[in-house]
C-alpha atoms as a PDB file:
ATOM      1  CA  MET A   1      87.493 111.371  94.839  1.00  0.00           C
ATOM      2  CA  SER A   2      86.276 114.228  92.713  1.00  0.00           C
ATOM      3  CA  PHE A   3      84.439 113.804  89.366  1.00  0.00           C
ATOM      4  CA  GLU A   4      87.533 114.980  87.547  1.00  0.00           C
ATOM      5  CA  SER A   5      89.886 112.541  89.298  1.00  0.00           C
ATOM      6  CA  ASP A   6      87.462 109.655  88.773  1.00  0.00           C
ATOM      7  CA  LEU A   7      87.267 110.508  85.098  1.00  0.00           C
ATOM      8  CA  LYS A   8      91.026 110.687  84.863  1.00  0.00           C
ATOM      9  CA  ARG A   9      91.342 107.267  86.608  1.00  0.00           C
ATOM     10  CA  LEU A  10      88.803 105.804  84.145  1.00  0.00           C
ATOM     11  CA  GLU A  11      90.899 107.211  81.252  1.00  0.00           C
ATOM     12  CA  ASP A  12      94.075 105.700  82.721  1.00  0.00           C
ATOM     13  CA  ILE A  13      92.347 102.285  83.100  1.00  0.00           C
ATOM     14  CA  SER A  14      91.232 102.478  79.450  1.00  0.00           C
ATOM     15  CA  GLU A  15      94.797 103.068  78.328  1.00  0.00           C
ATOM     16  CA  LYS A  16      96.076 100.249  80.524  1.00  0.00           C
ATOM     17  CA  LEU A  17      93.456  97.835  79.131  1.00  0.00           C
ATOM     18  CA  LYS A  18      94.607  98.670  75.639  1.00  0.00           C
ATOM     19  CA  ASP A  19      98.171  97.696  76.551  1.00  0.00           C
ATOM     20  CA  GLU A  20      98.937  94.179  75.352  1.00  0.00           C
ATOM     21  CA  LYS A  21     101.352  93.729  78.295  1.00  0.00           C
ATOM     22  CA  THR A  22      98.445  93.866  80.756  1.00  0.00           C
ATOM     23  CA  GLY A  23      97.639  90.322  81.929  1.00  0.00           C
ATOM     24  CA  LEU A  24      94.261  88.711  82.179  1.00  0.00           C
ATOM     25  CA  GLU A  25      93.865  88.949  85.944  1.00  0.00           C
ATOM     26  CA  GLU A  26      94.920  92.603  86.027  1.00  0.00           C
ATOM     27  CA  SER A  27      92.649  93.331  83.066  1.00  0.00           C
ATOM     28  CA  LEU A  28      89.704  91.804  84.860  1.00  0.00           C
ATOM     29  CA  SER A  29      90.424  93.765  87.986  1.00  0.00           C
ATOM     30  CA  LEU A  30      90.744  96.977  86.019  1.00  0.00           C
ATOM     31  CA  TYR A  31      87.559  96.234  84.169  1.00  0.00           C
ATOM     32  CA  GLU A  32      85.704  95.777  87.480  1.00  0.00           C
ATOM     33  CA  GLU A  33      87.170  99.102  88.731  1.00  0.00           C
ATOM     34  CA  ALA A  34      86.220 100.842  85.479  1.00  0.00           C
ATOM     35  CA  SER A  35      82.643  99.494  85.677  1.00  0.00           C
ATOM     36  CA  ALA A  36      82.217 100.892  89.230  1.00  0.00           C
ATOM     37  CA  LEU A  37      83.701 104.241  88.186  1.00  0.00           C
ATOM     38  CA  ASN A  38      81.431 104.411  85.165  1.00  0.00           C
ATOM     39  CA  LYS A  39      78.378 103.828  87.329  1.00  0.00           C
ATOM     40  CA  LYS A  40      79.475 106.557  89.850  1.00  0.00           C
ATOM     41  CA  LEU A  41      80.258 109.044  87.092  1.00  0.00           C
ATOM     42  CA  THR A  42      76.921 108.367  85.314  1.00  0.00           C
ATOM     43  CA  GLU A  43      75.029 108.894  88.617  1.00  0.00           C
ATOM     44  CA  THR A  44      76.886 112.119  89.199  1.00  0.00           C
ATOM     45  CA  LEU A  45      76.062 113.416  85.706  1.00  0.00           C
ATOM     46  CA  GLU A  46      72.372 112.434  86.188  1.00  0.00           C
ATOM     47  CA  ASP A  47      72.342 114.413  89.454  1.00  0.00           C
ATOM     48  CA  VAL A  48      73.874 117.416  87.728  1.00  0.00           C
ATOM     49  CA  ARG A  49      71.303 117.158  84.886  1.00  0.00           C
ATOM     50  CA  ARG A  50      68.489 117.133  87.389  1.00  0.00           C
ATOM     51  CA  ARG A  51      69.924 120.168  89.223  1.00  0.00           C
ATOM     52  CA  ILE A  52      70.316 122.064  85.935  1.00  0.00           C
ATOM     53  CA  GLU A  53      66.719 121.302  84.956  1.00  0.00           C
ATOM     54  CA  ALA A  54      65.681 122.608  88.328  1.00  0.00           C
ATOM     55  CA  VAL A  55      66.968 126.061  87.467  1.00  0.00           C
ATOM     56  CA  SER A  56      64.134 128.052  85.908  1.00  0.00           C
ATOM     57  CA  ALA A  57      64.427 130.559  83.060  1.00  0.00           C
ATOM     58  CA  ASP A  58      64.694 133.505  85.425  1.00  0.00           C
ATOM     59  CA  GLY A  59      67.669 131.970  87.261  1.00  0.00           C
ATOM     60  CA  SER A  60      65.873 130.964  90.447  1.00  0.00           C
ATOM     61  CA  ILE A  61      66.028 127.429  91.657  1.00  0.00           C
ATOM     62  CA  SER A  62      62.723 125.546  91.708  1.00  0.00           C
ATOM     63  CA  GLU A  63      61.827 122.898  94.254  1.00  0.00           C
ATOM     64  CA  MET A  64      63.303 119.569  93.224  1.00  0.00           C
ATOM     65  CA  LYS A  65      61.245 116.431  93.644  1.00  0.00           C
ATOM     66  CA  GLU A  66      62.905 113.047  94.196  1.00  0.00           C
ATOM     67  CA  GLU A  67      62.578 110.753  91.247  1.00  0.00           C
ATOM     68  CA  GLU A  68      61.626 107.242  92.180  1.00  0.00           C
END
């Protein structure tokens, strides 16, 4: 899935978790899915941040080093 569709799914899960009609088992399953999506989205944003930082002031792309 794309970043945008993952974010939309996370928003949908959030709304469903707020619904009092959502049962405990479904809530737990949704929470687990939301946690995995959150991790994936955070990693994507970190990657984008590193790529943006790699762009120098003159617009050229500098060599990126892997962070360990």
